[in-house]
Amino acid sequence: MPRPPALSPSRASDFRQCPLMFRLRTIDRIPEPPSAAATLGTLVHAVLEDLFELPASERTETAALGAVAPRWQRMLERDPALADLHENDAALASWLEDARGRLRTYFTMENPTRLEPSGREQFVELQLPDGPLLRGIIDRVETAPDGSVRLSDYKTGKTPHPRYGTKERFQMRFYALLIERLQGRRPALLQLLFLKDGGTLVLRPSDEDIANVESEIRDLWHEITACARAADFAPQRSRLCDWCSFQAWCPEFGGTPPELTAERAMGALGIGV
C-alpha cells in the first residue's frame, strides 16, 4: 500500500527553489534520469551504512574502500540504466575514485570503530497538528547511556559558506522537531558531515530553533496549499535551472507543463483528504 503524501526536507527545498519543479516532481511525478552526482551520494551512503553492519573492529578504511565496487555492482543489478551515467570505462573509474575519496575524507572526520549507532537510515514520520504529514530518513542516530541523542547526516558535497547553508540548517531543525515530538526528548546535537572537503556543520537545537522550524514549515505548507487550490505552481528562474531535468516542461524554456486541476493537486498532496 503506498504511503500517504508527506513533506520532507528535500521536497520543502524543491518548493523554495522552484514551485514548478516541486509540482512536476511531487504531483505529476514525471520520471527523471539519474544523475552522476545523486548516484554518487547514494553509493557513498550505502557503503557507510554497510560499514556499520560490521563488527566495530572491522570498520576500517580498507573495508570501506573495498566495498565500493561490489556495492556499485549491486546498484547496477537493481537498475541497469545506471550504466549510462558514464561515457566509458575511464569515466566510470574516475567516478568510483571520487566515491573512494569521499570515504577517505570520512575517516579523517570520525573513527567508526568507536561508534555504535542506535539507528541507521531511520525512517521518521509525524503528523503536524493542523499541518502537513512530515517525513524523513535520518542517516545515523546515536543514543548515549544517559538517553541523550545525536543525529548525523552525510553530505557528499562541500561545506556551505557560513553566509549560506540555510537549506542544511532547515533539514537539521526539521529532524530535531520530528524526534522531539516522536520521542519526547530533543536531540542534544545535530551534525552534517560534508565528505567532499571534511567540513562539519553542528547545531545544538534550542527552544527557538524548534519554534522557528515549525513556523517555517507551517508558512511553507500554507504557500503550497495556496498553489494547489489555485492549480498554479509558477516557475522560478535561477542559476540552478541549468541542472534541472524538467526544462522540456518549463515555460521559461519554451515548454508546457501537463494540465493541472485543483482537485488533482490537492489529492496528490493530501490536502483536504
Protein backbone atom coordinates (compact mmCIF):
# COMPACT_ATOMS: atom_id res chain seq x y z
CA MET A 1 0.00 0.00 0.00
CA PRO A 2 1.53 3.38 -1.00
CA ARG A 3 2.42 5.83 1.74
CA PRO A 4 0.26 8.95 2.05
CA PRO A 5 1.71 12.24 0.74
CA ALA A 6 4.13 13.96 3.11
CA LEU A 7 6.52 16.90 3.28
CA SER A 8 10.23 16.13 3.65
CA PRO A 9 13.23 18.46 3.86
CA SER A 10 14.09 17.75 0.23
CA ARG A 11 10.57 18.46 -1.03
CA ALA A 12 10.47 21.65 1.03
CA SER A 13 13.76 22.66 -0.61
CA ASP A 14 12.28 21.89 -4.03
CA PHE A 15 9.35 24.26 -3.45
CA ARG A 16 11.59 27.05 -2.21
CA GLN A 17 13.86 26.66 -5.22
CA CYS A 18 11.04 26.47 -7.78
CA PRO A 19 7.33 25.76 -7.18
CA LEU A 20 7.01 24.28 -10.68
CA MET A 21 9.85 21.84 -10.04
CA PHE A 22 8.12 20.82 -6.81
CA ARG A 23 4.87 20.27 -8.71
CA LEU A 24 6.42 18.25 -11.55
CA ARG A 25 8.34 16.09 -9.08
CA THR A 26 5.68 15.67 -6.39
CA ILE A 27 2.28 16.00 -8.09
CA ASP A 28 2.91 14.98 -11.70
CA ARG A 29 5.69 12.55 -10.73
CA ILE A 30 7.45 12.96 -14.06
CA PRO A 31 10.35 10.48 -14.21
CA GLU A 32 13.83 11.98 -14.01
CA PRO A 33 17.00 10.45 -15.40
CA PRO A 34 19.57 9.54 -12.75
CA SER A 35 22.41 11.98 -12.26
CA ALA A 36 26.02 11.10 -11.57
CA ALA A 37 26.14 13.40 -8.50
CA ALA A 38 23.00 12.00 -6.87
CA THR A 39 24.05 8.42 -7.63
CA LEU A 40 27.47 9.10 -6.10
CA GLY A 41 25.67 10.19 -2.94
CA THR A 42 23.57 7.03 -2.94
CA LEU A 43 26.66 4.86 -3.36
CA VAL A 44 28.65 6.53 -0.57
CA HIS A 45 25.67 6.46 1.80
CA ALA A 46 25.17 2.74 1.10
CA VAL A 47 28.83 1.92 1.78
CA LEU A 48 28.72 3.82 5.08
CA GLU A 49 25.51 2.08 6.08
CA ASP A 50 27.09 -1.29 5.28
CA LEU A 51 30.19 -0.32 7.24
CA PHE A 52 28.20 -0.13 10.47
CA GLU A 53 26.85 -3.64 9.84
CA LEU A 54 30.38 -4.90 10.53
CA PRO A 55 31.80 -5.57 14.00
CA ALA A 56 33.45 -2.41 15.34
CA SER A 57 36.99 -3.72 14.90
CA GLU A 58 36.38 -4.35 11.18
CA ARG A 59 35.11 -0.85 10.34
CA THR A 60 38.31 0.20 8.64
CA GLU A 61 39.09 2.49 5.75
CA THR A 62 40.32 -0.52 3.79
CA ALA A 63 36.98 -2.28 4.30
CA ALA A 64 35.04 0.79 3.17
CA LEU A 65 37.15 1.35 0.06
CA GLY A 66 36.94 -2.32 -0.83
CA ALA A 67 33.13 -2.20 -0.62
CA VAL A 68 32.74 0.50 -3.29
CA ALA A 69 32.96 -1.69 -6.40
CA PRO A 70 30.78 -4.54 -5.06
CA ARG A 71 28.12 -2.12 -3.87
CA TRP A 72 28.16 -0.38 -7.27
CA GLN A 73 27.61 -3.75 -8.96
CA ARG A 74 24.61 -4.38 -6.74
CA MET A 75 23.20 -1.00 -7.70
CA LEU A 76 23.67 -1.84 -11.39
CA GLU A 77 21.90 -5.17 -10.95
CA ARG A 78 18.88 -3.37 -9.49
CA ASP A 79 18.95 -0.60 -12.10
CA PRO A 80 20.96 -1.38 -15.25
CA ALA A 81 20.20 2.12 -16.62
CA LEU A 82 22.79 3.50 -14.21
CA ALA A 83 25.46 2.17 -16.56
CA ASP A 84 24.56 5.00 -18.95
CA LEU A 85 25.83 7.60 -16.48
CA HIS A 86 29.39 7.12 -17.68
CA GLU A 87 30.68 7.53 -21.23
CA ASN A 88 33.41 4.92 -20.94
CA ASP A 89 35.40 2.79 -18.52
CA ALA A 90 37.80 5.65 -17.76
CA ALA A 91 34.92 7.93 -16.75
CA LEU A 92 33.47 5.19 -14.53
CA ALA A 93 36.87 4.58 -12.91
CA SER A 94 37.25 8.29 -12.18
CA TRP A 95 33.74 8.43 -10.70
CA LEU A 96 34.36 5.43 -8.47
CA GLU A 97 37.60 7.04 -7.31
CA ASP A 98 35.57 10.14 -6.38
CA ALA A 99 33.43 7.90 -4.19
CA ARG A 100 36.52 6.43 -2.56
CA GLY A 101 37.83 9.95 -1.99
CA ARG A 102 34.67 10.85 -0.05
CA LEU A 103 35.15 7.76 2.10
CA ARG A 104 38.80 8.57 2.77
CA THR A 105 37.67 12.00 3.93
CA TYR A 106 35.08 10.40 6.22
CA PHE A 107 37.83 8.52 8.05
CA THR A 108 39.63 11.79 8.79
CA MET A 109 36.46 13.05 10.48
CA GLU A 110 35.32 10.13 12.61
CA ASN A 111 36.52 6.83 13.97
CA PRO A 112 33.64 4.43 13.27
CA THR A 113 35.15 1.74 15.50
CA ARG A 114 34.16 3.93 18.47
CA LEU A 115 30.55 4.50 17.39
CA GLU A 116 27.54 2.27 17.95
CA PRO A 117 24.52 3.80 16.23
CA SER A 118 21.11 3.08 17.70
CA GLY A 119 19.61 3.73 14.28
CA ARG A 120 20.74 3.89 10.64
CA GLU A 121 18.65 5.16 7.76
CA GLN A 122 15.96 5.71 10.38
CA PHE A 123 12.53 6.44 8.95
CA VAL A 124 10.60 9.12 10.86
CA GLU A 125 7.08 10.38 10.25
CA LEU A 126 4.93 12.86 12.17
CA GLN A 127 1.51 14.38 11.55
CA LEU A 128 1.85 18.05 12.44
CA PRO A 129 -1.45 19.16 14.08
CA ASP A 130 -3.42 21.31 11.61
CA GLY A 131 -0.50 20.96 9.21
CA PRO A 132 1.19 18.51 6.85
CA LEU A 133 2.39 14.98 7.42
CA LEU A 134 6.17 15.25 7.89
CA ARG A 135 8.59 12.54 6.83
CA GLY A 136 12.30 11.95 6.61
CA ILE A 137 15.14 9.45 6.79
CA ILE A 138 18.00 10.16 9.20
CA ASP A 139 21.34 8.69 8.21
CA ARG A 140 22.53 7.88 11.72
CA VAL A 141 21.17 8.12 15.26
CA GLU A 142 23.27 7.63 18.40
CA THR A 143 21.88 7.36 21.90
CA ALA A 144 24.15 7.94 24.90
CA PRO A 145 23.80 5.97 28.15
CA ASP A 146 22.03 8.99 29.71
CA GLY A 147 19.47 8.93 26.89
CA SER A 148 20.75 11.99 25.02
CA VAL A 149 20.51 11.71 21.24
CA ARG A 150 22.81 12.80 18.42
CA LEU A 151 21.67 12.87 14.80
CA SER A 152 24.20 12.69 11.97
CA ASP A 153 23.74 13.11 8.24
CA TYR A 154 26.27 12.57 5.45
CA LYS A 155 26.61 15.03 2.57
CA THR A 156 28.84 14.18 -0.38
CA GLY A 157 29.14 17.83 -1.41
CA LYS A 158 31.29 20.56 0.09
CA THR A 159 30.64 22.58 3.23
CA PRO A 160 28.41 25.59 2.54
CA HIS A 161 29.82 29.06 3.09
CA PRO A 162 28.91 30.43 6.55
CA ARG A 163 26.72 33.04 4.83
CA TYR A 164 24.65 30.26 3.28
CA GLY A 165 23.67 26.79 4.48
CA THR A 166 20.02 27.76 5.07
CA LYS A 167 18.77 24.55 3.45
CA GLU A 168 21.10 22.41 5.56
CA ARG A 169 20.13 24.09 8.83
CA PHE A 170 16.46 23.72 7.96
CA GLN A 171 16.96 19.98 7.45
CA MET A 172 18.70 19.61 10.81
CA ARG A 173 15.99 21.50 12.67
CA PHE A 174 13.29 19.61 10.76
CA TYR A 175 14.67 16.31 12.07
CA ALA A 176 15.08 17.72 15.57
CA LEU A 177 11.40 18.69 15.58
CA LEU A 178 10.33 15.21 14.49
CA ILE A 179 12.49 13.39 17.03
CA GLU A 180 11.39 15.68 19.87
CA ARG A 181 7.71 15.20 19.09
CA LEU A 182 8.02 11.44 18.47
CA GLN A 183 10.31 10.55 21.37
CA GLY A 184 9.57 13.32 23.83
CA ARG A 185 13.24 14.28 24.00
CA ARG A 186 15.06 16.89 21.98
CA PRO A 187 18.30 15.78 20.27
CA ALA A 188 21.27 17.22 22.09
CA LEU A 189 23.33 17.63 18.93
CA LEU A 190 22.82 17.59 15.17
CA GLN A 191 25.69 17.31 12.72
CA LEU A 192 26.14 17.29 8.98
CA LEU A 193 29.35 15.71 7.69
CA PHE A 194 30.48 17.13 4.33
CA LEU A 195 32.57 14.42 2.74
CA LYS A 196 33.99 16.40 -0.18
CA ASP A 197 36.08 18.73 1.98
CA GLY A 198 35.79 17.35 5.51
CA GLY A 199 33.73 20.19 6.97
CA THR A 200 31.14 19.74 9.70
CA LEU A 201 28.05 21.78 10.46
CA VAL A 202 26.93 21.36 14.08
CA LEU A 203 23.77 22.58 15.76
CA ARG A 204 22.57 22.22 19.34
CA PRO A 205 18.86 22.92 18.92
CA SER A 206 17.20 25.39 21.23
CA ASP A 207 13.58 26.23 22.01
CA GLU A 208 13.86 28.99 19.44
CA ASP A 209 15.19 26.60 16.78
CA ILE A 210 12.27 24.22 17.25
CA ALA A 211 9.69 27.02 17.29
CA ASN A 212 11.22 28.64 14.21
CA VAL A 213 11.32 25.46 12.13
CA GLU A 214 7.71 24.64 12.97
CA SER A 215 6.73 28.16 11.94
CA GLU A 216 8.72 27.81 8.70
CA ILE A 217 7.04 24.50 7.91
CA ARG A 218 3.57 25.91 8.55
CA ASP A 219 4.25 29.01 6.42
CA LEU A 220 5.66 26.86 3.62
CA TRP A 221 2.69 24.50 3.76
CA HIS A 222 0.33 27.48 3.59
CA GLU A 223 2.08 28.57 0.37
CA ILE A 224 1.98 25.06 -1.08
CA THR A 225 -1.71 24.73 -0.22
CA ALA A 226 -2.49 28.08 -1.87
CA CYS A 227 -0.71 26.97 -5.04
CA ALA A 228 -2.61 23.67 -5.05
CA ARG A 229 -6.01 25.34 -4.59
CA ALA A 230 -5.19 27.69 -7.47
CA ALA A 231 -3.65 24.87 -9.54
CA ASP A 232 -0.78 27.26 -10.18
CA PHE A 233 2.84 26.41 -9.36
CA ALA A 234 4.86 29.12 -11.08
CA PRO A 235 8.44 28.56 -12.27
CA GLN A 236 11.19 30.47 -10.51
CA ARG A 237 14.22 31.00 -12.68
CA SER A 238 17.67 30.83 -11.13
CA ARG A 239 21.19 29.62 -11.89
CA LEU A 240 20.07 26.17 -10.74
CA CYS A 241 17.87 25.90 -13.85
CA ASP A 242 20.97 24.80 -15.79
CA TRP A 243 20.89 21.48 -13.92
CA CYS A 244 17.11 20.96 -13.96
CA SER A 245 15.80 17.88 -15.77
CA PHE A 246 12.35 19.46 -16.28
CA GLN A 247 13.28 22.12 -18.84
CA ALA A 248 11.14 20.46 -21.54
CA TRP A 249 8.08 21.07 -19.32
CA CYS A 250 9.00 24.57 -18.17
CA PRO A 251 7.57 27.78 -19.74
CA GLU A 252 10.87 29.52 -19.02
CA PHE A 253 12.42 27.22 -21.64
CA GLY A 254 9.51 27.13 -24.06
CA GLY A 255 7.84 24.07 -22.55
CA THR A 256 4.31 23.43 -21.33
CA PRO A 257 3.58 21.52 -18.12
CA PRO A 258 0.78 18.93 -18.03
CA GLU A 259 -2.71 20.24 -17.37
CA LEU A 260 -3.44 20.55 -13.67
CA THR A 261 -6.67 20.88 -11.73
CA ALA A 262 -7.04 21.95 -8.12
CA GLU A 263 -8.64 18.60 -7.32
CA ARG A 264 -5.67 16.64 -8.68
CA ALA A 265 -3.13 18.89 -6.97
CA MET A 266 -4.87 18.73 -3.61
CA GLY A 267 -5.37 14.99 -3.86
CA ALA A 268 -1.70 14.37 -4.71
CA LEU A 269 -0.62 16.43 -1.69
CA GLY A 270 -3.20 15.02 0.70
CA ILE A 271 -4.91 18.38 1.19
CA GLY A 272 -8.49 18.05 2.35
CA VAL A 273 -8.36 14.28 2.04
